[in-house]
N, C-alpha and C. Protein backbone atom coordinates (compact mmCIF):
# COMPACT_ATOMS: atom_id res chain seq x y z
N MET A 1 -29.40 9.40 42.71
CA MET A 1 -30.67 9.43 41.89
C MET A 1 -30.38 10.43 40.47
N GLY A 2 -30.29 9.40 39.22
CA GLY A 2 -29.97 10.31 38.01
C GLY A 2 -30.91 10.89 37.97
N LYS A 3 -31.04 11.43 36.56
CA LYS A 3 -32.53 12.68 35.82
C LYS A 3 -33.70 11.54 35.77
N ARG A 4 -33.19 10.30 35.42
CA ARG A 4 -34.36 9.23 34.87
C ARG A 4 -34.78 8.66 35.96
N ASP A 5 -34.05 8.37 37.55
CA ASP A 5 -35.14 8.09 38.19
C ASP A 5 -35.84 9.38 39.28
N ASP A 6 -35.59 10.19 39.14
CA ASP A 6 -36.14 11.62 39.72
C ASP A 6 -37.51 12.12 38.73
N LEU A 7 -37.48 11.54 37.36
CA LEU A 7 -38.57 11.78 36.63
C LEU A 7 -40.01 10.36 36.81
N ILE A 8 -39.34 9.01 37.58
CA ILE A 8 -40.02 7.85 37.18
C ILE A 8 -40.47 7.95 38.85
N ALA A 9 -39.90 8.96 39.92
CA ALA A 9 -40.25 9.66 40.98
C ALA A 9 -41.52 10.09 40.94
N LYS A 10 -41.45 11.23 39.85
CA LYS A 10 -42.72 12.10 39.97
C LYS A 10 -44.00 11.59 39.40
N TYR A 11 -43.52 10.30 38.13
CA TYR A 11 -44.46 9.52 37.29
C TYR A 11 -45.39 8.85 38.59
N ALA A 12 -44.25 8.28 39.30
CA ALA A 12 -45.10 7.46 40.36
C ALA A 12 -46.53 8.64 41.68
N GLU A 13 -45.25 9.70 41.59
CA GLU A 13 -46.56 10.36 42.07
C GLU A 13 -48.09 10.91 42.16
N ASP A 14 -47.40 10.86 40.60
CA ASP A 14 -49.10 11.32 39.90
C ASP A 14 -49.70 10.03 39.69
N ILE A 15 -49.50 9.21 39.48
CA ILE A 15 -50.48 7.69 39.61
C ILE A 15 -50.84 7.99 41.00
N LYS A 16 -49.83 7.74 41.64
CA LYS A 16 -50.78 7.74 43.54
C LYS A 16 -51.65 9.34 43.30
N GLU A 17 -51.41 9.95 43.10
CA GLU A 17 -52.28 11.48 43.69
C GLU A 17 -52.89 11.80 42.54
N LYS A 18 -52.83 12.04 41.68
CA LYS A 18 -53.94 11.74 40.64
C LYS A 18 -54.75 11.01 39.80
N CYS A 19 -54.10 9.64 39.87
CA CYS A 19 -54.76 8.57 39.40
C CYS A 19 -55.72 7.86 40.62
N GLY A 20 -54.97 8.17 42.09
CA GLY A 20 -55.62 6.86 43.21
C GLY A 20 -55.18 5.57 43.20
N MET A 21 -53.92 5.75 42.62
CA MET A 21 -53.40 4.27 42.25
C MET A 21 -52.37 4.05 42.97
N THR A 22 -52.10 2.70 43.26
CA THR A 22 -50.51 2.74 43.82
C THR A 22 -50.04 2.09 42.48
N PRO A 23 -48.59 2.61 42.30
CA PRO A 23 -47.96 2.21 40.78
C PRO A 23 -47.28 0.84 40.92
N ASP A 24 -47.19 -0.21 40.29
CA ASP A 24 -46.13 -1.20 39.97
C ASP A 24 -45.11 -0.29 38.81
N MET A 25 -43.94 -0.09 40.43
CA MET A 25 -42.77 0.69 40.07
C MET A 25 -42.14 -0.51 39.23
N GLU A 26 -41.83 -1.34 38.98
CA GLU A 26 -41.18 -2.03 37.95
C GLU A 26 -41.59 -1.97 36.91
N LEU A 27 -43.15 -2.34 36.28
CA LEU A 27 -43.86 -1.88 35.26
C LEU A 27 -43.88 0.09 34.92
N LEU A 28 -43.91 0.55 35.86
CA LEU A 28 -43.46 2.56 35.36
C LEU A 28 -42.29 1.89 34.99
N LYS A 29 -41.01 1.60 35.73
CA LYS A 29 -39.71 2.08 35.03
C LYS A 29 -39.54 1.23 33.75
N LYS A 30 -39.73 0.36 33.43
CA LYS A 30 -39.44 -0.13 32.18
C LYS A 30 -40.51 0.51 31.50
N VAL A 31 -41.54 1.03 31.20
CA VAL A 31 -42.40 2.21 30.30
C VAL A 31 -41.31 3.31 30.46
N THR A 32 -41.57 3.51 31.15
CA THR A 32 -40.35 4.91 30.98
C THR A 32 -39.76 4.69 30.47
N ILE A 33 -38.36 3.80 30.67
CA ILE A 33 -37.54 3.68 29.78
C ILE A 33 -37.82 2.97 28.23
N GLY A 34 -38.61 2.55 27.85
CA GLY A 34 -39.55 2.44 26.87
C GLY A 34 -39.56 3.70 25.71
N CYS A 35 -39.84 5.07 27.35
CA CYS A 35 -40.49 6.21 26.23
C CYS A 35 -39.36 6.74 25.80
N GLY A 36 -37.83 6.10 25.47
CA GLY A 36 -36.77 6.64 25.17
C GLY A 36 -36.87 8.43 25.79
N PRO A 37 -35.69 9.09 24.52
CA PRO A 37 -35.23 10.08 24.91
C PRO A 37 -36.59 10.98 25.43
N SER A 38 -37.52 10.80 24.76
CA SER A 38 -39.03 11.69 24.65
C SER A 38 -39.66 12.77 25.91
N ILE A 39 -38.63 11.80 26.90
CA ILE A 39 -39.45 12.02 28.58
C ILE A 39 -38.52 13.29 29.02
N TYR A 40 -37.45 14.30 28.15
CA TYR A 40 -36.67 14.82 28.30
C TYR A 40 -36.88 15.97 27.86
N ASN A 41 -37.86 16.28 26.69
CA ASN A 41 -38.13 17.08 25.91
C ASN A 41 -39.65 17.57 26.71
N ASP A 42 -39.29 18.98 27.22
CA ASP A 42 -41.24 19.34 27.72
C ASP A 42 -41.93 18.90 26.95
N ASP A 43 -42.15 19.29 25.21
CA ASP A 43 -43.00 19.05 24.63
C ASP A 43 -43.67 17.29 24.67
N ALA A 44 -42.08 16.50 24.53
CA ALA A 44 -42.72 15.23 23.99
C ALA A 44 -42.91 14.57 25.00
N SER A 45 -42.47 15.23 26.31
CA SER A 45 -42.53 14.39 27.71
C SER A 45 -44.27 14.28 28.08
N THR A 46 -45.01 15.32 27.47
CA THR A 46 -46.81 14.96 27.80
C THR A 46 -47.55 14.41 26.67
N VAL A 47 -48.83 14.55 26.89
CA VAL A 47 -49.73 13.93 25.71
C VAL A 47 -51.45 14.99 25.86
N ALA A 48 -51.16 16.09 24.99
CA ALA A 48 -51.77 16.81 25.38
C ALA A 48 -53.92 16.14 24.52
N GLY A 49 -54.73 15.88 25.63
CA GLY A 49 -55.39 15.39 26.44
C GLY A 49 -56.71 15.66 25.09
N SER A 50 -56.33 16.78 24.31
CA SER A 50 -57.44 17.56 23.67
C SER A 50 -57.24 17.73 22.56
N ASP A 51 -55.90 16.82 21.93
CA ASP A 51 -55.37 17.01 21.02
C ASP A 51 -55.69 16.18 20.01
N THR A 52 -56.56 15.84 19.26
CA THR A 52 -57.17 14.30 18.37
C THR A 52 -56.30 13.35 18.05
N GLU A 53 -55.27 14.26 17.33
CA GLU A 53 -54.45 13.84 16.27
C GLU A 53 -53.34 13.53 17.06
N GLU A 54 -52.61 13.63 18.51
CA GLU A 54 -51.95 13.06 19.22
C GLU A 54 -52.80 11.87 19.65
N LEU A 55 -53.83 11.70 20.02
CA LEU A 55 -54.20 10.68 20.58
C LEU A 55 -54.50 10.09 19.63
N GLN A 56 -54.44 10.31 18.50
CA GLN A 56 -54.60 8.81 17.59
C GLN A 56 -52.99 8.51 17.37
N ARG A 57 -52.13 9.37 17.61
CA ARG A 57 -50.47 9.24 17.56
C ARG A 57 -50.32 7.76 18.60
N VAL A 58 -50.97 8.33 19.92
CA VAL A 58 -51.15 7.39 20.57
C VAL A 58 -51.78 6.25 20.18
N VAL A 59 -51.92 5.68 20.09
CA VAL A 59 -53.14 4.66 19.62
C VAL A 59 -52.49 3.75 18.44
N ASP A 60 -51.90 4.42 17.63
CA ASP A 60 -51.09 4.26 16.22
C ASP A 60 -49.79 4.10 16.58
N GLY A 61 -49.16 4.39 17.41
CA GLY A 61 -47.86 4.33 17.88
C GLY A 61 -47.41 3.24 19.27
N PHE A 62 -48.30 3.28 19.78
CA PHE A 62 -48.18 3.04 21.07
C PHE A 62 -49.08 1.68 21.36
N LEU A 63 -50.23 1.81 21.08
CA LEU A 63 -51.46 0.84 21.29
C LEU A 63 -51.42 -0.28 20.13
N ARG A 64 -50.85 0.21 18.74
CA ARG A 64 -50.74 -0.87 17.84
C ARG A 64 -49.73 -1.20 17.60
N LYS A 65 -48.59 -0.60 17.79
CA LYS A 65 -47.04 -0.91 17.32
C LYS A 65 -46.56 -1.44 18.56
N LYS A 66 -46.81 -0.99 19.91
CA LYS A 66 -45.64 -1.60 20.96
C LYS A 66 -46.16 -2.72 21.56
N LEU A 67 -47.52 -1.84 21.60
CA LEU A 67 -48.24 -2.87 22.51
C LEU A 67 -49.02 -4.47 21.43
N GLY A 68 -49.28 -3.72 20.32
CA GLY A 68 -49.61 -4.82 19.61
C GLY A 68 -50.90 -5.12 19.00
N LEU A 69 -51.75 -3.86 19.60
CA LEU A 69 -53.28 -4.30 19.71
C LEU A 69 -53.82 -4.30 18.17
N PRO A 70 -54.38 -4.85 18.04
CA PRO A 70 -55.50 -5.35 17.09
C PRO A 70 -56.17 -3.58 16.86
N ASP A 71 -56.54 -3.10 15.85
CA ASP A 71 -56.97 -1.91 15.84
C ASP A 71 -58.68 -1.66 15.39
N GLY A 72 -59.12 -1.00 16.43
CA GLY A 72 -60.57 -0.99 16.93
C GLY A 72 -60.80 0.18 17.53
N PRO A 73 -62.30 0.34 17.74
CA PRO A 73 -62.52 1.56 18.59
C PRO A 73 -62.27 1.36 19.67
N GLU A 74 -62.37 0.06 19.94
CA GLU A 74 -61.85 -0.32 21.75
C GLU A 74 -60.68 0.96 22.28
N LEU A 75 -59.30 0.80 21.35
CA LEU A 75 -58.62 1.70 21.08
C LEU A 75 -58.82 3.29 21.83
N MET A 76 -59.18 3.79 21.03
CA MET A 76 -59.79 5.09 21.55
C MET A 76 -60.34 5.40 22.89
N GLY A 77 -61.42 4.04 22.88
CA GLY A 77 -62.03 4.25 24.41
C GLY A 77 -61.14 4.09 25.39
N GLY A 78 -59.91 3.39 25.42
CA GLY A 78 -58.48 3.02 26.35
C GLY A 78 -58.43 4.36 26.54
N VAL A 79 -58.06 5.18 26.21
CA VAL A 79 -57.40 6.45 25.90
C VAL A 79 -58.07 7.39 26.40
N GLN A 80 -59.33 7.24 26.03
CA GLN A 80 -59.92 8.49 27.11
C GLN A 80 -60.20 8.40 28.39
N LYS A 81 -60.41 6.44 28.50
CA LYS A 81 -60.55 6.12 29.97
C LYS A 81 -59.48 5.99 30.78
N ALA A 82 -57.82 6.35 30.05
CA ALA A 82 -56.57 7.03 30.50
C ALA A 82 -56.77 8.33 31.14
N ILE A 83 -57.63 9.43 30.20
CA ILE A 83 -57.31 10.59 30.30
C ILE A 83 -58.29 10.45 31.30
N GLU A 84 -59.60 9.99 31.31
CA GLU A 84 -60.25 9.92 32.77
C GLU A 84 -59.62 9.79 34.14
N THR A 85 -58.89 8.79 33.67
CA THR A 85 -58.40 8.37 35.05
C THR A 85 -57.36 9.20 35.61
N TYR A 86 -56.88 9.50 34.81
CA TYR A 86 -55.42 10.88 35.02
C TYR A 86 -56.12 12.34 35.63
N GLY A 87 -57.46 12.32 34.57
CA GLY A 87 -57.88 14.07 35.58
C GLY A 87 -57.70 14.80 33.98
N ARG A 88 -59.18 14.59 33.22
CA ARG A 88 -59.76 15.55 32.32
C ARG A 88 -58.73 16.91 32.55
N SER A 89 -58.73 17.24 34.11
CA SER A 89 -58.56 19.06 33.99
C SER A 89 -57.25 19.55 34.36
N ASN A 90 -56.30 17.49 34.26
CA ASN A 90 -55.01 18.09 34.34
C ASN A 90 -54.46 18.46 33.19
N ARG A 91 -53.95 19.49 32.67
CA ARG A 91 -53.18 20.03 32.38
C ARG A 91 -51.84 18.62 31.45
N ASN A 92 -51.17 18.55 32.52
CA ASN A 92 -49.93 17.99 32.23
C ASN A 92 -50.19 15.96 32.14
N LYS A 93 -50.09 16.04 30.88
CA LYS A 93 -50.55 14.21 31.30
C LYS A 93 -49.28 13.84 30.86
N TYR A 94 -48.25 13.21 31.49
CA TYR A 94 -47.14 12.66 31.14
C TYR A 94 -46.70 11.42 30.54
N ARG A 95 -46.36 11.65 29.49
CA ARG A 95 -46.84 10.19 28.23
C ARG A 95 -46.10 9.01 29.35
N ALA A 96 -45.22 9.21 29.65
CA ALA A 96 -44.93 7.45 30.52
C ALA A 96 -45.93 7.66 31.22
N VAL A 97 -46.95 8.16 32.08
CA VAL A 97 -48.01 7.72 32.91
C VAL A 97 -49.09 7.18 32.13
N MET A 98 -49.44 8.02 31.08
CA MET A 98 -51.06 7.79 30.05
C MET A 98 -49.80 6.35 29.49
N TYR A 99 -49.19 6.25 29.20
CA TYR A 99 -48.28 5.04 28.58
C TYR A 99 -48.79 3.24 29.53
N TYR A 100 -47.82 3.93 30.78
CA TYR A 100 -48.25 2.69 32.00
C TYR A 100 -50.12 2.93 32.19
N LEU A 101 -51.20 3.65 32.17
CA LEU A 101 -52.40 3.12 32.60
C LEU A 101 -53.18 2.69 31.25
N LEU A 102 -51.96 2.93 30.08
CA LEU A 102 -52.52 1.71 28.87
C LEU A 102 -52.36 0.23 28.69
N THR A 103 -51.31 0.66 29.14
CA THR A 103 -50.56 -1.16 29.39
C THR A 103 -51.61 -1.63 30.52
N LYS A 104 -52.22 -0.52 31.93
CA LYS A 104 -52.37 -1.98 32.34
C LYS A 104 -54.22 -2.37 32.40
N HIS A 105 -54.67 -0.66 31.34
CA HIS A 105 -55.71 -0.41 31.06
C HIS A 105 -56.44 -2.39 30.07
N PHE A 106 -54.89 -1.90 29.38
CA PHE A 106 -54.98 -3.25 28.20
C PHE A 106 -54.29 -4.59 28.80
N GLY A 107 -54.13 -4.69 30.15
CA GLY A 107 -53.52 -5.99 30.40
C GLY A 107 -52.05 -6.52 29.58
N LYS A 108 -51.46 -5.68 29.32
CA LYS A 108 -50.22 -5.81 27.62
C LYS A 108 -49.33 -5.84 28.94
N GLU A 109 -49.10 -6.04 30.38
CA GLU A 109 -47.92 -6.37 31.21
C GLU A 109 -46.84 -6.91 30.63
N ALA A 110 -46.87 -7.65 30.10
CA ALA A 110 -45.94 -8.76 29.66
C ALA A 110 -45.57 -8.66 28.46
N VAL A 111 -45.39 -7.33 27.60
CA VAL A 111 -44.89 -6.59 26.89
C VAL A 111 -43.38 -6.29 27.33
N TYR A 112 -43.50 -6.22 28.56
CA TYR A 112 -42.29 -5.13 29.16
C TYR A 112 -41.86 -6.52 29.92
N GLY A 113 -42.32 -7.57 29.92
CA GLY A 113 -41.57 -8.80 30.87
C GLY A 113 -40.33 -9.06 30.33
C-alpha cells in the first residue's frame, strides 16, 4: 500500500470510530484524491473547527466551487453539522473526512461520479 492508501484507511477508521458511520470507500477515495497534495501536509490536511476564517474557506472553496452549491446560511450550517458529527472535541479533523461528510450531507456524491 502507498502513503495515500494508508491515509484513506486512517480516514475510514475516523469515519467509523468518531463519526459512527460506515464509510463509502469508493467515495472516500475520490474525495481524498480530490484534496490533492494537501493530505500530505500536517497543517493543510486538517480543518480547525474553531477557526471561522478557515471554515469560511471550506464554504467558499469546497462547497461553492467544488460542489457547486449556491451561497447561503445552510452551507455554514452544514459545516457545523459535519463538525458535530466528527466530534467538536476532536482536535484533528481531517480535511478529507470533513469533505466526505459535507459531500454526503448535501447529497453531492455525483460530483465525484
